[in-house]
Protein backbone atom coordinates (compact mmCIF):
# COMPACT_ATOMS: atom_id res chain seq x y z
CA MET A 1 27.35 -184.36 -63.47
CA ASP A 2 26.75 -180.77 -62.38
CA ALA A 3 23.20 -179.49 -62.00
CA ASP A 4 21.39 -179.00 -65.31
CA ILE A 5 20.05 -175.57 -64.38
CA TYR A 6 22.26 -172.88 -62.89
CA ASN A 7 22.80 -169.14 -62.41
CA GLY A 8 19.48 -168.50 -60.70
CA GLY A 9 17.51 -170.71 -63.07
CA ARG A 10 18.55 -168.75 -66.15
CA TYR A 11 20.75 -171.30 -67.91
CA LEU A 12 20.30 -174.96 -68.87
CA ARG A 13 23.35 -177.13 -69.54
CA ARG A 14 23.20 -179.44 -72.56
CA TRP A 15 24.88 -182.73 -71.75
CA ALA A 16 26.29 -185.20 -74.25
CA LEU A 17 28.52 -188.28 -74.10
CA VAL A 18 32.08 -187.44 -75.10
CA GLU A 19 34.31 -190.52 -75.18
CA GLY A 20 31.57 -192.22 -73.20
CA ARG A 21 31.45 -189.66 -70.39
CA PRO A 22 29.00 -186.80 -69.69
CA ARG A 23 30.33 -183.50 -70.96
CA CYS A 24 28.85 -180.16 -72.08
CA PRO A 25 30.38 -179.45 -75.51
CA ASP A 26 27.51 -177.16 -76.54
CA THR A 27 26.69 -173.71 -75.21
CA ALA A 28 24.12 -173.69 -72.43
CA LEU A 29 20.62 -172.49 -73.26
CA TYR A 30 19.63 -169.06 -71.96
CA LEU A 31 16.15 -169.97 -70.74
CA PRO A 32 14.40 -166.58 -70.99
CA GLU A 33 15.10 -166.51 -74.73
CA THR A 34 14.58 -170.22 -75.51
CA ASP A 35 11.27 -171.69 -76.67
CA GLU A 36 9.52 -174.30 -74.54
CA GLU A 37 9.94 -177.15 -77.03
CA THR A 38 13.72 -176.68 -77.16
CA ILE A 39 13.92 -176.60 -73.36
CA GLY A 40 11.81 -179.75 -73.01
CA ALA A 41 13.89 -181.62 -75.59
CA ALA A 42 17.18 -180.57 -73.97
CA MET A 43 16.01 -181.71 -70.55
CA ALA A 44 14.94 -185.10 -71.93
CA ARG A 45 18.32 -185.59 -73.62
CA ASN A 46 20.12 -184.57 -70.42
CA ARG A 47 18.19 -187.18 -68.47
CA ALA A 48 18.98 -189.82 -71.11
CA VAL A 49 22.71 -189.01 -70.96
CA ALA A 50 22.65 -189.28 -67.17
CA ALA A 51 20.82 -192.62 -67.30
CA VAL A 52 23.20 -194.14 -69.87
CA ALA A 53 26.24 -192.93 -67.94
CA ALA A 54 24.82 -194.33 -64.69
CA THR A 55 24.34 -197.74 -66.33
CA ALA A 56 27.99 -197.77 -67.44
CA GLU A 57 29.16 -196.68 -63.99
CA ALA A 58 27.14 -199.49 -62.38
CA TYR A 59 28.75 -202.03 -64.75
CA GLU A 60 32.22 -200.68 -63.96
CA ALA A 61 31.54 -200.85 -60.23
CA ALA A 62 30.32 -204.43 -60.58
CA ALA A 63 33.43 -205.39 -62.55
CA ALA A 64 35.69 -203.78 -59.95
CA LEU A 65 33.89 -205.60 -57.15
CA LEU A 66 34.18 -209.01 -58.82
CA ALA A 67 37.85 -208.41 -59.53
CA SER A 68 38.64 -207.58 -55.93
CA PRO A 69 40.00 -210.13 -53.40
CA ALA A 70 36.88 -209.61 -51.26
CA ALA A 71 34.49 -210.62 -54.05
CA GLU A 72 33.83 -214.11 -52.63
CA GLU A 73 32.34 -212.75 -49.44
CA ALA A 74 30.79 -209.54 -50.80
CA PRO A 75 27.01 -209.43 -50.19
CA GLU A 76 26.59 -207.59 -53.50
CA ARG A 77 28.33 -210.31 -55.49
CA ALA A 78 25.15 -211.89 -56.87
CA VAL A 79 23.82 -208.53 -57.99
CA ALA A 80 27.13 -207.65 -59.64
CA GLU A 81 27.27 -210.98 -61.46
CA ALA A 82 23.71 -210.57 -62.71
CA LEU A 83 24.42 -207.06 -63.94
CA MET A 84 27.51 -208.12 -65.87
CA ALA A 85 25.78 -211.18 -67.31
CA SER A 86 22.91 -209.07 -68.62
CA ALA A 87 25.11 -206.44 -70.30
CA GLY A 88 24.33 -206.15 -74.00
CA PRO A 89 26.62 -205.18 -76.89
CA SER A 90 25.73 -201.49 -76.64
CA LEU A 91 26.66 -201.24 -72.97
CA LEU A 92 29.88 -203.19 -73.51
CA HIS A 93 30.77 -200.87 -76.38
CA LEU A 94 30.19 -197.88 -74.10
CA VAL A 95 32.34 -199.40 -71.36
CA ARG A 96 35.18 -200.06 -73.81
CA THR A 97 34.93 -196.47 -75.03
CA ARG A 98 35.13 -195.12 -71.48
CA ALA A 99 38.10 -197.33 -70.70
CA ASP A 100 39.90 -196.45 -73.97
CA GLN A 101 39.98 -200.14 -74.85
CA LEU A 102 38.44 -200.03 -78.33
CA GLY A 103 39.51 -202.45 -81.00
CA LYS A 104 41.87 -201.34 -83.75
CA ALA A 105 39.17 -200.35 -86.23
CA GLU A 106 36.39 -199.84 -83.68
CA ALA A 107 34.77 -196.41 -83.49
CA GLY A 108 33.82 -194.98 -80.13
CA TYR A 109 30.36 -195.26 -78.66
CA VAL A 110 27.84 -192.68 -79.92
CA LEU A 111 24.50 -192.20 -78.21
CA ALA A 112 21.90 -192.27 -81.00
CA TRP A 113 19.02 -189.80 -80.86
CA PRO A 114 15.83 -191.12 -82.50
CA ASP A 115 13.29 -188.57 -83.67
CA MET A 116 11.53 -187.13 -80.65
CA PRO A 117 7.70 -187.38 -80.56
CA ALA A 118 5.49 -184.37 -79.86
CA PHE A 119 4.80 -183.69 -76.19
CA ASP A 120 3.76 -180.79 -73.96
CA PRO A 121 7.02 -179.69 -72.29
CA ARG A 122 5.10 -177.96 -69.49
CA THR A 123 3.49 -181.17 -68.23
CA GLU A 124 5.17 -184.06 -70.06
CA THR A 125 8.59 -185.40 -70.96
CA VAL A 126 10.04 -188.33 -72.89
CA ASP A 127 12.29 -191.18 -71.77
CA LEU A 128 14.80 -192.82 -74.10
CA PHE A 129 14.63 -196.58 -74.57
CA ASP A 130 16.06 -198.93 -77.20
CA GLY A 131 14.93 -197.54 -80.52
CA GLY A 132 12.78 -194.62 -79.45
CA TRP A 133 11.19 -192.35 -76.87
CA ALA A 134 8.26 -192.91 -74.53
CA VAL A 135 6.06 -189.96 -73.54
CA ARG A 136 5.04 -189.69 -69.89
CA SER A 137 3.74 -187.08 -67.45
CA LEU A 138 6.23 -185.16 -65.35
CA THR A 139 6.39 -186.32 -61.75
CA ALA A 140 5.52 -183.97 -58.89
CA GLU A 141 9.23 -183.73 -58.05
CA GLU A 142 10.12 -182.86 -61.64
CA LEU A 143 7.37 -180.25 -61.84
CA ALA A 144 8.54 -178.59 -58.62
CA SER A 145 11.94 -177.74 -60.14
CA HIS A 146 10.90 -177.47 -63.78
CA PRO A 147 12.28 -174.40 -65.60
CA LEU A 148 8.98 -173.96 -67.43
CA ARG A 149 7.13 -173.71 -64.15
CA PRO A 150 6.34 -169.99 -64.15
CA ALA A 151 6.12 -167.68 -61.18
CA ALA A 152 2.62 -168.00 -59.77
CA PHE A 153 1.86 -164.28 -59.60
CA MET A 154 2.66 -161.09 -61.47
CA SER A 155 1.93 -157.53 -60.45
CA LYS A 156 -0.97 -155.84 -62.23
CA MET A 157 1.34 -153.21 -63.70
CA ALA A 158 3.74 -155.85 -65.03
CA PHE A 159 0.84 -157.84 -66.49
CA ALA A 160 -0.60 -154.76 -68.20
CA ALA A 161 2.83 -154.07 -69.72
CA LEU A 162 3.09 -157.71 -70.85
CA LEU A 163 -0.32 -157.53 -72.58
CA ILE A 164 0.56 -154.35 -74.45
CA ASP A 165 4.06 -155.51 -75.38
CA THR A 166 2.73 -158.84 -76.68
CA LEU A 167 -0.60 -157.87 -78.24
CA GLY A 168 0.13 -154.30 -79.25
CA ASP A 169 -1.35 -151.07 -77.90
CA THR A 170 -4.85 -151.41 -79.34
CA LEU A 171 -5.58 -155.06 -78.57
CA GLY A 172 -3.67 -154.93 -75.29
CA MET A 173 -5.73 -151.99 -74.04
CA THR A 174 -8.94 -153.67 -75.26
CA VAL A 175 -8.18 -156.82 -73.27
CA LEU A 176 -7.30 -154.77 -70.20
CA GLY A 177 -10.61 -152.97 -70.53
CA MET A 178 -12.52 -156.27 -70.75
CA TYR A 179 -11.08 -157.38 -67.40
CA ALA A 180 -10.73 -154.00 -65.70
CA SER A 181 -13.21 -154.86 -62.94
CA VAL A 182 -11.47 -158.17 -62.20
CA LEU A 183 -8.02 -156.57 -62.10
CA ALA A 184 -9.27 -153.78 -59.86
CA LEU A 185 -10.19 -156.31 -57.16
CA ALA A 186 -7.06 -158.47 -57.46
CA ALA A 187 -3.89 -157.87 -55.47
CA ASP A 188 -1.83 -159.56 -58.21
CA VAL A 189 -2.50 -161.51 -61.40
CA ASP A 190 -2.54 -165.30 -60.93
CA PHE A 191 -0.91 -167.41 -63.67
CA VAL A 192 -3.48 -170.17 -63.14
CA ASP A 193 -6.40 -167.77 -63.56
CA VAL A 194 -4.97 -166.48 -66.82
CA PHE A 195 -3.74 -169.65 -68.52
CA ASP A 196 -5.48 -172.59 -66.81
CA ASN A 197 -8.77 -172.13 -64.97
CA LEU A 198 -10.37 -169.77 -62.49
CA ASN A 199 -9.79 -170.44 -58.80
CA GLY A 200 -8.50 -173.93 -59.58
CA ASP A 201 -11.90 -175.00 -60.92
CA PRO A 202 -11.59 -176.97 -64.20
CA ALA A 203 -15.21 -176.08 -65.01
CA GLN A 204 -14.29 -172.39 -65.24
CA PRO A 205 -11.93 -171.66 -68.14
CA GLY A 206 -9.14 -169.17 -67.55
CA TYR A 207 -9.08 -165.72 -69.08
CA ALA A 208 -6.91 -166.78 -72.02
CA ALA A 209 -9.37 -169.57 -72.90
CA GLN A 210 -12.25 -167.09 -72.65
CA LEU A 211 -10.51 -164.72 -75.06
CA LEU A 212 -9.84 -167.59 -77.46
CA ALA A 213 -13.48 -168.67 -77.35
CA GLN A 214 -14.54 -165.10 -78.16
CA GLY A 215 -12.09 -164.90 -81.05
CA ALA A 216 -10.38 -161.92 -79.44
CA VAL A 217 -6.92 -163.51 -79.59
CA THR A 218 -5.22 -166.36 -81.41
CA GLU A 219 -3.49 -169.48 -80.10
CA GLY A 220 -0.19 -167.93 -81.16
CA GLN A 221 -0.87 -164.79 -79.13
CA VAL A 222 -1.72 -166.84 -76.05
CA ALA A 223 1.50 -168.83 -76.48
CA ALA A 224 3.41 -165.56 -76.80
CA LEU A 225 1.81 -164.26 -73.60
CA ARG A 226 2.75 -167.44 -71.75
CA ALA A 227 6.33 -167.22 -73.01
CA GLY A 228 6.45 -163.53 -72.12
CA TRP A 229 5.31 -164.30 -68.57
CA ARG A 230 8.11 -166.86 -68.23
CA ARG A 231 10.72 -164.46 -69.63
CA ALA A 232 9.59 -161.62 -67.36
CA CYS A 233 9.93 -163.84 -64.31
CA LYS A 234 13.32 -165.31 -65.28
CA ALA A 235 15.10 -162.29 -66.69
């Protein structure tokens, strides 16, 4: 499988199983114009496709090993035998589909997609298992290459433009005025200070949380600002 994200981090492939093999029949997502929930769901499905395909490939490799003349002396023989013995009907159906060995009236394998639970695509993902999804936190490695990981800093001019574009002239200028002294001292605007907490201190809410607490902005406006930051850094 090719890399999920390509063209400078702007596009996300959407993998599916076609005749049992990973393919991209659907148009890739253009990340700057795609909402976070859609991106998170697509990445989870991509990972599920890769995992299912890898399981089939492991079964096929085990079968090839056991069918070879060297199987008797192969150190991996026990592992291969255990893998084949544990294969369930779903995996065997997938293997038959990949090998074009379906029965006369047998339909090809289709990877079922249960309803996906709610999760925060910036910090969480979901893993597919038999019958459903399990929510978990993203690993450090996943976070490091995550497409929703925004650029850490934005210039003051770009941030001012983002505020006005997102909130409108009046509210945007009001918010800029509220934090004029802070912006005057900063070299750039820090994403963490705006959307998480000040100086990495969880006890000090970020500027967006402060504005929410004051009733100056809505949750929807903060989400729009966050999305606008991501688009500005990816476009």
